[in-house]
Amino acid sequence: MKLNILASAGSYPGPGRVCSGYLLSSHDTQVLLDLGNGALSNLLKVIDPKLLSGVIISHAHLDHYADMIGLYHYFKFAHTPPHPVPLYGSSEFFDKFHHLIGIDEDMRSIFSETIITEGGFGKIDNLSIAFSQSNHPPETYISRVSDGKSTFCYSADGDESINLALASNEVDLFLCESTWSKKGSNHPAGLHLDARAAGEIAQRSRVKHLVITHIAYPQDRDEVRVIVSKYFKGRISLAEDLDSYIF
């Protein structure tokens, strides 16, 4: 599989980085994971969206889905996809998306919608996806993906949980958020991970490659790497917009 980092900023854009978007590929299958504010611009640098096999939106926070509005209009006015694109998301995401866009025949011809539920499964071409709920408000879903040869986990947003440990177990690449370098007294539980937690989860899960993303500006990225490396002894990368990894 191949992972393209389209957008790696945490919660809001930072200098040279936009919000939450990833393209996971296996042969001709191209699946978009989240599309936050600014991410569509980078998606267009990597692929024509009409070639997308499917889209998964982890949760209904704007930094993870804002550019879905732009993607809809791109499909509607520029390049209509040859068939409705499978779109997976929570019921809350669809409520907000429909409120912003509306539901009409154009929407139905562009997207084929599936509501994600805890313990649910999806299939997009040759990719099998297992969904489990994250420890994060609002309703948020971790994705564990396999093409039969490689395995991948996207943590989405959220604090430590059994579901995250199980979903990331022994994957080839673990795309994990570390919004903060260190949690302070003003950082509530059940919201995001910090570098220590991300490293510990990856070590316990015996992942092969840990890619840290969603680092909120102006967190010290070098400090994030140093802290993660104290707890995780495998390969570590810090996501940068338009980086890619093959695994």
Protein backbone atom coordinates (compact mmCIF):
# COMPACT_ATOMS: atom_id res chain seq x y z
CA MET A 1 0.00 0.00 0.00
CA LYS A 2 0.97 3.63 -0.33
CA LEU A 3 0.03 6.52 1.95
CA ASN A 4 0.10 10.09 0.67
CA ILE A 5 0.00 12.75 3.35
CA LEU A 6 -2.21 15.45 1.89
CA ALA A 7 -2.59 17.51 5.07
CA SER A 8 -1.02 17.04 8.49
CA ALA A 9 -1.88 20.06 10.66
CA GLY A 10 -3.65 19.56 13.96
CA SER A 11 -6.98 21.29 14.68
CA TYR A 12 -6.13 24.38 12.59
CA PRO A 13 -3.64 25.14 9.80
CA GLY A 14 -0.02 25.92 10.54
CA PRO A 15 2.75 27.49 8.42
CA GLY A 16 2.99 25.34 5.29
CA ARG A 17 0.52 22.77 6.61
CA VAL A 18 -3.24 22.36 6.17
CA CYS A 19 -5.77 20.21 7.97
CA SER A 20 -6.16 16.43 7.97
CA GLY A 21 -6.26 14.61 4.67
CA TYR A 22 -4.69 11.32 3.60
CA LEU A 23 -4.81 9.19 0.45
CA LEU A 24 -4.41 5.44 0.90
CA SER A 25 -3.69 3.47 -2.28
CA SER A 26 -3.44 -0.20 -3.19
CA HIS A 27 -3.00 -0.96 -6.90
CA ASP A 28 -5.84 0.98 -8.58
CA THR A 29 -7.79 1.53 -5.36
CA GLN A 30 -7.57 5.09 -4.04
CA VAL A 31 -9.28 5.88 -0.73
CA LEU A 32 -9.42 9.33 0.81
CA LEU A 33 -9.27 9.50 4.60
CA ASP A 34 -10.60 12.85 5.81
CA LEU A 35 -10.51 16.17 3.96
CA GLY A 36 -10.05 19.11 6.31
CA ASN A 37 -9.75 22.80 5.52
CA GLY A 38 -7.13 23.29 2.81
CA ALA A 39 -6.63 19.60 2.03
CA LEU A 40 -8.47 19.61 -1.31
CA SER A 41 -5.75 21.78 -2.85
CA ASN A 42 -3.13 19.14 -2.07
CA LEU A 43 -5.39 16.28 -3.16
CA LEU A 44 -5.58 17.91 -6.60
CA LYS A 45 -1.77 17.85 -6.77
CA VAL A 46 -1.75 14.07 -6.26
CA ILE A 47 -4.81 12.68 -8.06
CA ASP A 48 -7.84 13.70 -10.08
CA PRO A 49 -10.63 13.18 -7.53
CA LYS A 50 -12.80 11.43 -10.14
CA LEU A 51 -10.36 8.49 -9.75
CA LEU A 52 -11.21 8.08 -6.07
CA SER A 53 -12.52 4.64 -5.14
CA GLY A 54 -14.03 5.88 -1.87
CA VAL A 55 -13.95 8.42 0.93
CA ILE A 56 -13.92 7.87 4.71
CA ILE A 57 -14.58 10.78 7.08
CA SER A 58 -13.52 9.92 10.61
CA HIS A 59 -15.67 12.49 12.42
CA ALA A 60 -17.62 15.71 12.20
CA HIS A 61 -14.99 18.25 13.22
CA LEU A 62 -14.36 20.83 10.52
CA ASP A 63 -10.61 20.24 10.41
CA HIS A 64 -11.44 16.74 9.16
CA TYR A 65 -14.23 17.39 6.66
CA ALA A 66 -14.48 21.09 5.69
CA ASP A 67 -13.15 20.57 2.16
CA MET A 68 -15.78 17.94 1.42
CA ILE A 69 -17.89 20.95 0.45
CA GLY A 70 -15.30 21.87 -2.17
CA LEU A 71 -14.99 18.27 -3.33
CA TYR A 72 -18.76 18.10 -3.85
CA HIS A 73 -18.71 21.24 -5.97
CA TYR A 74 -15.69 19.99 -7.93
CA PHE A 75 -17.64 16.84 -8.77
CA LYS A 76 -20.81 18.78 -9.55
CA PHE A 77 -19.34 21.44 -11.85
CA ALA A 78 -15.92 20.24 -13.08
CA HIS A 79 -15.51 16.46 -13.25
CA THR A 80 -18.51 14.29 -12.43
CA PRO A 81 -17.33 10.86 -11.23
CA PRO A 82 -18.30 7.95 -13.52
CA HIS A 83 -20.36 6.42 -10.69
CA PRO A 84 -21.33 7.50 -7.16
CA VAL A 85 -18.26 7.50 -4.91
CA PRO A 86 -18.69 5.41 -1.72
CA LEU A 87 -18.69 7.81 1.23
CA TYR A 88 -18.40 6.50 4.78
CA GLY A 89 -19.04 8.67 7.82
CA SER A 90 -20.88 8.93 11.12
CA SER A 91 -24.54 9.89 11.25
CA GLU A 92 -23.48 13.23 12.77
CA PHE A 93 -21.15 13.91 9.86
CA PHE A 94 -23.90 13.24 7.34
CA ASP A 95 -26.34 15.47 9.24
CA LYS A 96 -23.86 18.36 9.10
CA PHE A 97 -22.80 17.67 5.51
CA HIS A 98 -26.40 17.54 4.29
CA HIS A 99 -27.19 20.75 6.16
CA LEU A 100 -24.32 22.52 4.37
CA ILE A 101 -24.87 21.04 0.91
CA GLY A 102 -28.45 19.84 0.84
CA ILE A 103 -29.69 16.54 -0.57
CA ASP A 104 -30.72 16.48 -4.20
CA GLU A 105 -30.23 14.31 -7.26
CA ASP A 106 -26.73 15.75 -7.74
CA MET A 107 -25.73 14.59 -4.26
CA ARG A 108 -27.13 11.11 -4.89
CA SER A 109 -25.31 10.84 -8.22
CA ILE A 110 -21.99 11.92 -6.68
CA PHE A 111 -21.88 10.02 -3.37
CA SER A 112 -23.15 6.65 -2.20
CA GLU A 113 -23.47 7.04 1.56
CA THR A 114 -22.81 4.48 4.31
CA ILE A 115 -23.13 5.30 8.01
CA ILE A 116 -20.25 3.96 10.10
CA THR A 117 -21.11 2.19 13.36
CA GLU A 118 -19.02 0.72 16.16
CA GLY A 119 -17.56 -2.62 15.10
CA GLY A 120 -18.71 -2.10 11.53
CA PHE A 121 -16.92 -3.10 8.36
CA GLY A 122 -16.51 -1.58 4.94
CA LYS A 123 -15.21 -2.80 1.60
CA ILE A 124 -13.81 -0.48 -1.06
CA ASP A 125 -12.52 -2.48 -4.03
CA ASN A 126 -9.66 -4.61 -2.65
CA LEU A 127 -9.47 -2.80 0.70
CA SER A 128 -11.23 -4.17 3.78
CA ILE A 129 -11.88 -1.66 6.56
CA ALA A 130 -12.76 -2.35 10.20
CA PHE A 131 -14.19 0.58 12.16
CA SER A 132 -14.02 1.10 15.92
CA GLN A 133 -15.04 4.09 17.98
CA SER A 134 -12.38 6.43 19.28
CA ASN A 135 -12.21 8.16 22.68
CA HIS A 136 -13.04 11.58 21.27
CA PRO A 137 -16.01 13.91 21.01
CA PRO A 138 -17.92 13.84 18.67
CA GLU A 139 -18.54 10.26 17.46
CA THR A 140 -15.22 9.37 15.85
CA TYR A 141 -13.99 6.22 14.12
CA ILE A 142 -10.59 4.58 13.92
CA SER A 143 -9.95 2.74 10.65
CA ARG A 144 -7.95 -0.47 10.33
CA VAL A 145 -7.37 -1.31 6.67
CA SER A 146 -5.98 -4.35 4.87
CA ASP A 147 -5.43 -5.24 1.23
CA GLY A 148 -4.53 -8.83 2.09
CA LYS A 149 -0.81 -8.10 2.11
CA SER A 150 -0.33 -4.94 4.17
CA THR A 151 -2.16 -3.51 7.17
CA PHE A 152 -2.74 0.09 8.14
CA CYS A 153 -4.37 1.93 11.03
CA TYR A 154 -5.52 5.54 11.15
CA SER A 155 -6.15 6.66 14.72
CA ALA A 156 -8.23 9.68 13.72
CA ASP A 157 -8.49 11.91 16.82
CA GLY A 158 -8.88 10.70 20.36
CA ASP A 159 -7.31 9.83 23.67
CA GLU A 160 -6.03 6.41 24.71
CA SER A 161 -8.48 3.50 24.47
CA ILE A 162 -8.70 -0.27 24.16
CA ASN A 163 -10.15 0.17 20.68
CA LEU A 164 -7.09 2.09 19.51
CA ALA A 165 -4.75 -0.53 20.94
CA LEU A 166 -6.63 -3.34 19.19
CA ALA A 167 -6.98 -1.52 15.86
CA SER A 168 -3.26 -0.71 15.69
CA ASN A 169 -2.04 -4.14 16.75
CA GLU A 170 0.94 -5.24 14.59
CA VAL A 171 0.05 -3.03 11.62
CA ASP A 172 2.65 -2.21 9.00
CA LEU A 173 1.96 1.52 9.24
CA PHE A 174 0.23 3.33 12.09
CA LEU A 175 -0.89 6.88 11.27
CA CYS A 176 -1.36 8.34 14.73
CA GLU A 177 -2.18 11.83 15.94
CA SER A 178 -0.14 13.60 18.61
CA THR A 179 -1.82 16.96 18.83
CA TRP A 180 0.33 17.96 21.77
CA SER A 181 3.97 17.27 22.62
CA LYS A 182 3.03 17.05 26.30
CA LYS A 183 -0.36 17.27 27.95
CA GLY A 184 -0.70 20.17 30.33
CA SER A 185 -3.28 20.91 33.00
CA ASN A 186 -5.41 22.73 30.41
CA HIS A 187 -5.56 19.69 28.10
CA PRO A 188 -8.70 17.66 28.89
CA ALA A 189 -8.78 13.87 28.89
CA GLY A 190 -10.71 12.13 26.15
CA LEU A 191 -9.72 14.58 23.45
CA HIS A 192 -6.27 13.98 21.94
CA LEU A 193 -3.02 12.08 22.38
CA ASP A 194 0.35 13.51 23.25
CA ALA A 195 3.76 12.21 22.16
CA ARG A 196 4.24 9.92 25.15
CA ALA A 197 0.88 8.22 24.65
CA ALA A 198 1.41 7.82 20.90
CA GLY A 199 4.80 6.20 21.48
CA GLU A 200 3.54 3.88 24.19
CA ILE A 201 0.58 2.70 22.11
CA ALA A 202 2.81 2.01 19.10
CA GLN A 203 5.29 0.08 21.24
CA ARG A 204 2.63 -2.06 22.90
CA SER A 205 0.98 -2.69 19.55
CA ARG A 206 4.30 -3.70 17.94
CA VAL A 207 3.70 -1.57 14.85
CA LYS A 208 6.39 -1.53 12.18
CA HIS A 209 6.26 2.15 11.23
CA LEU A 210 4.75 4.97 13.28
CA VAL A 211 3.81 8.14 11.40
CA ILE A 212 2.90 10.98 13.75
CA THR A 213 0.41 13.52 12.41
CA HIS A 214 -2.03 16.24 13.57
CA ILE A 215 0.67 18.07 15.55
CA ALA A 216 -0.88 21.40 16.52
CA TYR A 217 1.13 24.54 15.77
CA PRO A 218 3.26 25.82 17.52
CA GLN A 219 4.16 22.53 19.19
CA ASP A 220 7.87 21.74 18.89
CA ARG A 221 8.05 18.96 16.30
CA ASP A 222 11.60 18.03 17.29
CA GLU A 223 10.42 17.61 20.87
CA VAL A 224 7.58 15.38 19.68
CA ARG A 225 10.06 13.11 17.91
CA VAL A 226 12.38 12.96 20.93
CA ILE A 227 9.54 12.06 23.30
CA VAL A 228 8.04 9.46 20.97
CA SER A 229 11.46 7.82 20.54
CA LYS A 230 11.74 7.31 24.30
CA TYR A 231 8.72 5.02 24.21
CA PHE A 232 8.69 3.53 20.70
CA LYS A 233 11.77 1.76 19.36
CA GLY A 234 10.62 1.19 15.77
CA ARG A 235 10.65 3.46 12.73
CA ILE A 236 9.27 6.94 13.40
CA SER A 237 8.25 9.63 10.91
CA LEU A 238 6.60 13.01 11.40
CA ALA A 239 4.01 13.63 8.70
CA GLU A 240 4.60 16.53 6.32
CA ASP A 241 2.14 17.70 3.68
CA LEU A 242 2.75 15.87 0.36
CA ASP A 243 5.08 13.25 1.89
CA SER A 244 4.36 9.61 0.96
CA TYR A 245 5.17 6.17 2.36
CA ILE A 246 5.11 2.72 0.76
CA PHE A 247 4.58 -0.29 3.01
